[in-house]
C-alpha cells in the first residue's frame, strides 16, 4: 500500500523517539523557548540532521482532538470598548482566541470576526455564547460557524 503524501494519525507512544523529539524541538522553536534550531535540537536531544530530515513531515495533532473551533461573525457599533467587551465575553467562557479581525468602520459600524477554540470540557455552548454576544451593548449582529 503506497501512502505517498497522505497523512496518518499515530499515537505518540508507538512512534520512534526521534519523531517525538523533532515535534518537541519544533514546539521549543515556535514558543520562543529556543532561539535557533541548533539550540532546540540540543534541548530535545536530537541531531540537527534528524531535525531537518523530519521537521516538514512531523506535526503535533493533539490540538485537534477534544476541542471545537468556532468562528463568530459580528457587526459592531463604532464605539470604543465594544470589541473589548466581545473578547471579554469569549474569555469568560474559556475560549482560546486563535484569530481576530476588525475592519474599518463604514457608516458607524464595523464588521469583525473572531475564531476561537474551546476545549471539549462540555461547559460551553457556541450558540448560547453567540446569543450572549448579541446582548452586548454595541453589538448589532452576531453569527457563528463551526469548524471541527
N, C-alpha and C. Protein backbone atom coordinates (compact mmCIF):
# COMPACT_ATOMS: atom_id res chain seq x y z
N UNK A 1 0.84 -1.17 0.00
CA UNK A 1 0.00 0.00 0.00
C UNK A 1 0.89 1.24 0.00
N UNK A 2 0.72 2.11 -0.98
CA UNK A 2 1.52 3.34 -1.09
C UNK A 2 0.74 4.50 -0.49
N UNK A 3 1.22 5.04 0.63
CA UNK A 3 0.55 6.17 1.27
C UNK A 3 0.95 7.49 0.65
N UNK A 4 2.09 7.54 -0.03
CA UNK A 4 2.53 8.76 -0.70
C UNK A 4 2.49 9.97 0.22
N UNK A 5 1.80 11.02 -0.21
CA UNK A 5 1.72 12.28 0.53
C UNK A 5 0.55 12.32 1.51
N UNK A 6 -0.11 11.21 1.76
CA UNK A 6 -1.25 11.19 2.67
C UNK A 6 -0.79 11.28 4.11
N UNK A 7 -1.70 11.73 4.96
CA UNK A 7 -1.42 11.84 6.38
C UNK A 7 -2.07 10.68 7.12
N UNK A 8 -1.43 10.25 8.18
CA UNK A 8 -1.98 9.23 9.06
C UNK A 8 -1.85 9.74 10.49
N UNK A 9 -2.72 9.30 11.37
CA UNK A 9 -2.65 9.67 12.78
C UNK A 9 -2.15 8.45 13.54
N UNK A 10 -1.08 8.66 14.30
CA UNK A 10 -0.46 7.58 15.05
C UNK A 10 -0.24 8.06 16.48
N UNK A 11 -0.56 7.23 17.46
CA UNK A 11 -0.30 7.59 18.86
C UNK A 11 1.19 7.81 19.06
N UNK A 12 1.53 8.84 19.80
CA UNK A 12 2.93 9.20 20.01
C UNK A 12 3.73 8.10 20.69
N UNK A 13 3.11 7.30 21.54
CA UNK A 13 3.88 6.29 22.27
C UNK A 13 4.35 5.13 21.39
N UNK A 14 3.87 5.04 20.16
CA UNK A 14 4.35 3.98 19.27
C UNK A 14 5.30 4.51 18.20
N UNK A 15 5.53 5.80 18.19
CA UNK A 15 6.46 6.41 17.23
C UNK A 15 7.91 6.22 17.68
N UNK A 16 8.83 6.21 16.74
CA UNK A 16 10.25 6.23 17.14
C UNK A 16 10.55 7.52 17.91
N UNK A 17 11.42 7.44 18.90
CA UNK A 17 11.75 8.60 19.74
C UNK A 17 12.16 9.81 18.92
N UNK A 18 12.85 9.62 17.82
CA UNK A 18 13.34 10.75 17.03
C UNK A 18 12.18 11.62 16.53
N UNK A 19 11.07 11.01 16.15
CA UNK A 19 9.93 11.78 15.66
C UNK A 19 9.33 12.62 16.78
N UNK A 20 9.16 12.02 17.94
CA UNK A 20 8.63 12.74 19.10
C UNK A 20 9.55 13.90 19.47
N UNK A 21 10.86 13.67 19.39
CA UNK A 21 11.83 14.72 19.74
C UNK A 21 11.85 15.83 18.70
N UNK A 22 11.62 15.51 17.43
CA UNK A 22 11.52 16.54 16.39
C UNK A 22 10.32 17.43 16.68
N UNK A 23 9.20 16.84 17.04
CA UNK A 23 7.99 17.61 17.37
C UNK A 23 8.27 18.49 18.59
N UNK A 24 8.98 17.95 19.57
CA UNK A 24 9.35 18.74 20.75
C UNK A 24 10.24 19.92 20.37
N UNK A 25 11.23 19.68 19.51
CA UNK A 25 12.12 20.76 19.07
C UNK A 25 11.35 21.84 18.31
N UNK A 26 10.41 21.42 17.47
CA UNK A 26 9.60 22.40 16.74
C UNK A 26 8.77 23.25 17.69
N UNK A 27 8.26 22.64 18.76
CA UNK A 27 7.48 23.38 19.75
C UNK A 27 8.38 24.38 20.48
N UNK A 28 9.59 23.96 20.83
CA UNK A 28 10.52 24.86 21.52
C UNK A 28 10.83 26.08 20.66
N UNK A 29 10.96 25.87 19.37
CA UNK A 29 11.19 27.00 18.45
C UNK A 29 9.96 27.88 18.34
N UNK A 30 8.79 27.25 18.17
CA UNK A 30 7.56 28.00 17.98
C UNK A 30 7.19 28.85 19.19
N UNK A 31 7.48 28.35 20.39
CA UNK A 31 7.14 29.08 21.60
C UNK A 31 8.20 30.09 22.01
N UNK A 32 9.34 30.07 21.31
CA UNK A 32 10.41 31.00 21.62
C UNK A 32 11.29 30.55 22.78
N UNK A 33 11.06 29.34 23.29
CA UNK A 33 11.91 28.85 24.38
C UNK A 33 13.34 28.63 23.89
N UNK A 34 13.47 28.31 22.61
CA UNK A 34 14.78 28.20 21.98
C UNK A 34 14.82 29.17 20.80
N UNK A 35 15.96 29.80 20.61
CA UNK A 35 16.08 30.84 19.57
C UNK A 35 16.57 30.30 18.23
N UNK A 36 17.15 29.11 18.23
CA UNK A 36 17.67 28.56 16.98
C UNK A 36 17.38 27.07 16.91
N UNK A 37 17.45 26.54 15.71
CA UNK A 37 17.22 25.11 15.56
C UNK A 37 18.31 24.31 16.27
N UNK A 38 19.53 24.81 16.27
CA UNK A 38 20.62 24.12 16.98
C UNK A 38 20.31 24.02 18.47
N UNK A 39 19.85 25.12 19.05
CA UNK A 39 19.50 25.15 20.47
C UNK A 39 18.32 24.20 20.76
N UNK A 40 17.33 24.20 19.89
CA UNK A 40 16.15 23.34 20.06
C UNK A 40 16.53 21.87 19.94
N UNK A 41 17.40 21.56 18.99
CA UNK A 41 17.84 20.17 18.82
C UNK A 41 18.60 19.69 20.05
N UNK A 42 19.45 20.54 20.57
CA UNK A 42 20.22 20.18 21.76
C UNK A 42 19.27 19.96 22.94
N UNK A 43 18.29 20.84 23.11
CA UNK A 43 17.34 20.72 24.22
C UNK A 43 16.49 19.46 24.09
N UNK A 44 16.13 19.10 22.86
CA UNK A 44 15.29 17.92 22.63
C UNK A 44 16.10 16.63 22.60
N UNK A 45 17.41 16.75 22.45
CA UNK A 45 18.26 15.57 22.44
C UNK A 45 18.33 14.85 21.11
N UNK A 46 18.31 15.64 20.02
CA UNK A 46 18.44 15.04 18.68
C UNK A 46 19.49 15.79 17.88
N UNK A 47 19.94 15.18 16.79
CA UNK A 47 20.90 15.83 15.91
C UNK A 47 20.17 16.80 14.99
N UNK A 48 20.90 17.78 14.51
CA UNK A 48 20.31 18.73 13.56
C UNK A 48 19.90 18.02 12.27
N UNK A 49 20.67 17.01 11.87
CA UNK A 49 20.33 16.30 10.63
C UNK A 49 18.99 15.56 10.78
N UNK A 50 18.74 14.97 11.95
CA UNK A 50 17.45 14.30 12.19
C UNK A 50 16.33 15.34 12.19
N UNK A 51 16.59 16.49 12.80
CA UNK A 51 15.57 17.55 12.83
C UNK A 51 15.20 17.97 11.40
N UNK A 52 16.21 18.27 10.60
CA UNK A 52 15.94 18.72 9.23
C UNK A 52 15.35 17.63 8.35
N UNK A 53 15.67 16.39 8.66
CA UNK A 53 15.12 15.28 7.88
C UNK A 53 13.61 15.14 8.10
N UNK A 54 13.13 15.37 9.34
CA UNK A 54 11.74 15.10 9.66
C UNK A 54 10.88 16.34 9.95
N UNK A 55 11.49 17.52 10.05
CA UNK A 55 10.74 18.70 10.51
C UNK A 55 9.54 19.05 9.64
N UNK A 56 9.60 18.81 8.35
CA UNK A 56 8.48 19.14 7.47
C UNK A 56 7.47 18.02 7.35
N UNK A 57 7.71 16.92 8.06
CA UNK A 57 6.82 15.76 7.97
C UNK A 57 6.20 15.37 9.31
N UNK A 58 6.70 15.89 10.41
CA UNK A 58 6.21 15.50 11.74
C UNK A 58 5.48 16.69 12.36
N UNK A 59 4.23 16.46 12.76
CA UNK A 59 3.40 17.53 13.31
C UNK A 59 2.68 17.05 14.56
N UNK A 60 2.44 17.96 15.47
CA UNK A 60 1.65 17.64 16.66
C UNK A 60 0.18 17.84 16.32
N UNK A 61 -0.59 16.80 16.39
CA UNK A 61 -2.00 16.87 16.03
C UNK A 61 -2.91 16.91 17.25
N UNK A 62 -2.37 16.88 18.46
CA UNK A 62 -3.20 16.77 19.66
C UNK A 62 -4.15 17.94 19.82
N UNK A 63 -3.82 19.11 19.26
CA UNK A 63 -4.71 20.26 19.39
C UNK A 63 -6.05 20.01 18.70
N UNK A 64 -6.09 19.13 17.74
CA UNK A 64 -7.33 18.87 17.03
C UNK A 64 -8.28 17.95 17.76
N UNK A 65 -7.79 17.22 18.75
CA UNK A 65 -8.63 16.29 19.49
C UNK A 65 -9.19 16.98 20.72
N UNK A 66 -10.45 16.72 21.00
CA UNK A 66 -11.04 17.24 22.22
C UNK A 66 -11.26 18.73 22.22
N UNK A 67 -11.35 19.33 21.05
CA UNK A 67 -11.60 20.76 21.00
C UNK A 67 -12.52 21.08 19.84
N UNK A 68 -13.13 22.24 19.91
CA UNK A 68 -14.03 22.68 18.86
C UNK A 68 -13.61 24.09 18.43
N UNK A 69 -13.50 24.30 17.13
CA UNK A 69 -13.16 25.62 16.61
C UNK A 69 -14.43 26.28 16.12
N UNK A 70 -14.65 27.52 16.56
CA UNK A 70 -15.85 28.27 16.21
C UNK A 70 -15.43 29.66 15.73
N UNK A 71 -16.06 30.12 14.67
CA UNK A 71 -15.83 31.49 14.20
C UNK A 71 -17.09 32.31 14.44
N UNK A 72 -16.92 33.44 15.09
CA UNK A 72 -18.03 34.37 15.34
C UNK A 72 -17.90 35.53 14.36
N UNK A 73 -19.01 35.84 13.69
CA UNK A 73 -19.08 36.95 12.75
C UNK A 73 -19.92 38.03 13.39
N UNK A 74 -19.36 39.24 13.49
CA UNK A 74 -20.01 40.30 14.25
C UNK A 74 -20.09 41.59 13.45
N UNK A 75 -21.13 42.36 13.72
CA UNK A 75 -21.21 43.74 13.27
C UNK A 75 -21.30 44.58 14.53
N UNK A 76 -20.36 45.54 14.67
CA UNK A 76 -20.23 46.30 15.90
C UNK A 76 -20.41 47.79 15.65
N UNK A 77 -20.98 48.47 16.62
CA UNK A 77 -21.05 49.93 16.58
C UNK A 77 -19.64 50.49 16.67
N UNK A 78 -19.42 51.60 16.00
CA UNK A 78 -18.12 52.27 16.04
C UNK A 78 -18.02 53.08 17.32
N UNK A 79 -17.72 52.35 18.41
CA UNK A 79 -17.64 52.97 19.72
C UNK A 79 -16.54 52.27 20.51
N UNK A 80 -15.76 53.03 21.21
CA UNK A 80 -14.64 52.48 21.98
C UNK A 80 -15.12 51.43 22.97
N UNK A 81 -14.41 50.30 23.02
CA UNK A 81 -14.65 49.29 24.02
C UNK A 81 -15.59 48.16 23.62
N UNK A 82 -16.29 48.28 22.49
CA UNK A 82 -17.25 47.24 22.11
C UNK A 82 -16.52 45.94 21.79
N UNK A 83 -15.47 46.01 20.98
CA UNK A 83 -14.73 44.80 20.63
C UNK A 83 -14.08 44.19 21.88
N UNK A 84 -13.63 45.03 22.79
CA UNK A 84 -13.05 44.55 24.05
C UNK A 84 -14.07 43.77 24.85
N UNK A 85 -15.32 44.23 24.87
CA UNK A 85 -16.38 43.51 25.59
C UNK A 85 -16.66 42.15 24.95
N UNK A 86 -16.59 42.09 23.63
CA UNK A 86 -16.77 40.81 22.92
C UNK A 86 -15.68 39.84 23.36
N UNK A 87 -14.43 40.30 23.35
CA UNK A 87 -13.31 39.45 23.74
C UNK A 87 -13.41 39.03 25.20
N UNK A 88 -13.84 39.93 26.05
CA UNK A 88 -14.01 39.62 27.48
C UNK A 88 -15.07 38.52 27.66
N UNK A 89 -16.16 38.62 26.91
CA UNK A 89 -17.22 37.60 26.98
C UNK A 89 -16.67 36.24 26.55
N UNK A 90 -15.96 36.20 25.44
CA UNK A 90 -15.40 34.93 24.96
C UNK A 90 -14.41 34.35 25.97
N UNK A 91 -13.59 35.21 26.52
CA UNK A 91 -12.62 34.77 27.53
C UNK A 91 -13.33 34.18 28.74
N UNK A 92 -14.43 34.79 29.15
CA UNK A 92 -15.15 34.31 30.33
C UNK A 92 -15.72 32.91 30.13
N UNK A 93 -15.87 32.49 28.89
CA UNK A 93 -16.35 31.14 28.58
C UNK A 93 -15.21 30.17 28.28
N UNK A 94 -13.98 30.59 28.50
CA UNK A 94 -12.83 29.71 28.32
C UNK A 94 -12.36 29.59 26.89
N UNK A 95 -12.73 30.53 26.04
CA UNK A 95 -12.32 30.47 24.64
C UNK A 95 -10.84 30.84 24.50
N UNK A 96 -10.13 30.07 23.68
CA UNK A 96 -8.76 30.40 23.32
C UNK A 96 -8.84 31.09 21.96
N UNK A 97 -8.51 32.36 21.90
CA UNK A 97 -8.65 33.13 20.66
C UNK A 97 -7.52 32.75 19.71
N UNK A 98 -7.90 32.28 18.52
CA UNK A 98 -6.93 31.87 17.50
C UNK A 98 -6.66 33.02 16.53
N UNK A 99 -7.71 33.68 16.05
CA UNK A 99 -7.55 34.85 15.17
C UNK A 99 -8.65 35.84 15.50
N UNK A 100 -8.36 37.11 15.21
CA UNK A 100 -9.39 38.14 15.35
C UNK A 100 -9.09 39.25 14.36
N UNK A 101 -10.15 39.84 13.84
CA UNK A 101 -10.01 40.91 12.87
C UNK A 101 -11.20 41.84 12.98
N UNK A 102 -10.92 43.13 13.03
CA UNK A 102 -11.98 44.14 12.99
C UNK A 102 -11.67 45.06 11.83
N UNK A 103 -12.65 45.24 10.95
CA UNK A 103 -12.47 46.08 9.78
C UNK A 103 -12.72 47.55 10.12
N UNK A 104 -12.31 48.42 9.24
CA UNK A 104 -12.52 49.85 9.40
C UNK A 104 -14.02 50.13 9.34
N UNK A 105 -14.53 50.94 10.26
CA UNK A 105 -15.97 51.23 10.28
C UNK A 105 -16.44 51.98 9.03
N UNK A 106 -17.61 51.59 8.56
CA UNK A 106 -18.29 52.27 7.47
C UNK A 106 -19.69 52.57 7.97
N UNK A 107 -20.12 53.82 7.84
CA UNK A 107 -21.44 54.24 8.33
C UNK A 107 -21.61 53.90 9.81
N UNK A 108 -20.59 54.11 10.60
CA UNK A 108 -20.61 53.93 12.05
C UNK A 108 -20.73 52.48 12.51
N UNK A 109 -20.43 51.53 11.62
CA UNK A 109 -20.45 50.11 12.01
C UNK A 109 -19.24 49.41 11.40
N UNK A 110 -18.69 48.48 12.15
CA UNK A 110 -17.53 47.71 11.69
C UNK A 110 -17.84 46.22 11.80
N UNK A 111 -17.39 45.48 10.79
CA UNK A 111 -17.51 44.02 10.87
C UNK A 111 -16.27 43.46 11.54
N UNK A 112 -16.45 42.36 12.23
CA UNK A 112 -15.34 41.72 12.92
C UNK A 112 -15.55 40.21 12.89
N UNK A 113 -14.45 39.48 12.88
CA UNK A 113 -14.51 38.02 13.03
C UNK A 113 -13.54 37.63 14.13
N UNK A 114 -13.96 36.64 14.90
CA UNK A 114 -13.11 36.09 15.95
C UNK A 114 -13.23 34.57 15.87
N UNK A 115 -12.10 33.91 15.65
CA UNK A 115 -12.09 32.45 15.64
C UNK A 115 -11.47 31.98 16.94
N UNK A 116 -12.18 31.08 17.60
CA UNK A 116 -11.76 30.60 18.91
C UNK A 116 -11.75 29.08 18.95
N UNK A 117 -11.05 28.55 19.94
CA UNK A 117 -11.07 27.11 20.18
C UNK A 117 -11.54 26.91 21.61
N UNK A 118 -12.52 26.02 21.76
CA UNK A 118 -12.99 25.61 23.08
C UNK A 118 -12.48 24.21 23.34
N UNK A 119 -11.91 23.99 24.52
CA UNK A 119 -11.57 22.63 24.92
C UNK A 119 -12.88 21.90 25.13
N UNK A 120 -12.89 20.63 24.83
CA UNK A 120 -14.12 19.85 24.93
C UNK A 120 -14.35 19.40 26.37
N UNK A 121 -14.70 20.37 27.21
CA UNK A 121 -14.97 20.03 28.61
C UNK A 121 -16.47 20.05 28.89
N UNK A 122 -17.28 20.26 27.84
CA UNK A 122 -18.72 20.21 27.99
C UNK A 122 -19.33 21.43 28.65
N UNK A 123 -18.53 22.45 28.91
CA UNK A 123 -19.03 23.62 29.63
C UNK A 123 -19.37 24.79 28.72
N UNK A 124 -19.32 24.61 27.42
CA UNK A 124 -19.65 25.72 26.53
C UNK A 124 -20.74 25.30 25.54
N UNK A 125 -21.46 26.29 25.08
CA UNK A 125 -22.46 26.10 24.06
C UNK A 125 -22.27 27.26 23.10
N UNK A 126 -21.70 27.00 21.93
CA UNK A 126 -21.33 28.07 21.00
C UNK A 126 -22.53 28.92 20.60
N UNK A 127 -23.69 28.30 20.41
CA UNK A 127 -24.89 29.06 20.02
C UNK A 127 -25.34 29.97 21.17
N UNK A 128 -25.29 29.47 22.39
CA UNK A 128 -25.68 30.29 23.54
C UNK A 128 -24.71 31.44 23.74
N UNK A 129 -23.44 31.19 23.50
CA UNK A 129 -22.44 32.26 23.61
C UNK A 129 -22.70 33.32 22.54
N UNK A 130 -23.11 32.88 21.35
CA UNK A 130 -23.45 33.82 20.28
C UNK A 130 -24.62 34.71 20.71
N UNK A 131 -25.60 34.11 21.37
CA UNK A 131 -26.73 34.89 21.89
C UNK A 131 -26.26 35.90 22.93
N UNK A 132 -25.34 35.48 23.78
CA UNK A 132 -24.79 36.39 24.79
C UNK A 132 -24.04 37.53 24.12
N UNK A 133 -23.28 37.22 23.08
CA UNK A 133 -22.58 38.28 22.34
C UNK A 133 -23.57 39.27 21.74
N UNK A 134 -24.68 38.77 21.24
CA UNK A 134 -25.71 39.64 20.65
C UNK A 134 -26.27 40.62 21.67
N UNK A 135 -26.23 40.23 22.95
CA UNK A 135 -26.77 41.09 24.00
C UNK A 135 -25.82 42.16 24.50
N UNK A 136 -24.59 42.14 24.03
CA UNK A 136 -23.63 43.17 24.46
C UNK A 136 -24.00 44.50 23.81
N UNK A 137 -24.00 45.54 24.63
CA UNK A 137 -24.30 46.88 24.13
C UNK A 137 -23.27 47.27 23.08
N UNK A 138 -23.72 47.55 21.87
CA UNK A 138 -22.83 47.91 20.79
C UNK A 138 -22.66 46.80 19.75
N UNK A 139 -23.14 45.60 20.05
CA UNK A 139 -23.11 44.52 19.06
C UNK A 139 -24.42 44.59 18.29
N UNK A 140 -24.32 44.87 17.00
CA UNK A 140 -25.50 45.00 16.15
C UNK A 140 -26.00 43.62 15.72
N UNK A 141 -25.06 42.77 15.30
CA UNK A 141 -25.39 41.41 14.85
C UNK A 141 -24.28 40.48 15.27
N UNK A 142 -24.65 39.21 15.53
CA UNK A 142 -23.67 38.18 15.84
C UNK A 142 -24.13 36.87 15.21
N UNK A 143 -23.20 36.19 14.56
CA UNK A 143 -23.48 34.89 13.97
C UNK A 143 -22.28 34.00 14.19
N UNK A 144 -22.43 32.74 13.84
CA UNK A 144 -21.35 31.80 14.10
C UNK A 144 -21.29 30.72 13.02
N UNK A 145 -20.13 30.12 12.90
CA UNK A 145 -19.97 28.91 12.10
C UNK A 145 -19.00 28.02 12.85
N UNK A 146 -19.14 26.72 12.64
CA UNK A 146 -18.36 25.75 13.40
C UNK A 146 -17.31 25.13 12.50
N UNK A 147 -16.14 24.93 13.06
CA UNK A 147 -15.09 24.19 12.37
C UNK A 147 -15.17 22.75 12.79
N UNK A 148 -14.04 22.20 13.23
CA UNK A 148 -14.04 20.79 13.64
C UNK A 148 -14.43 20.63 15.07
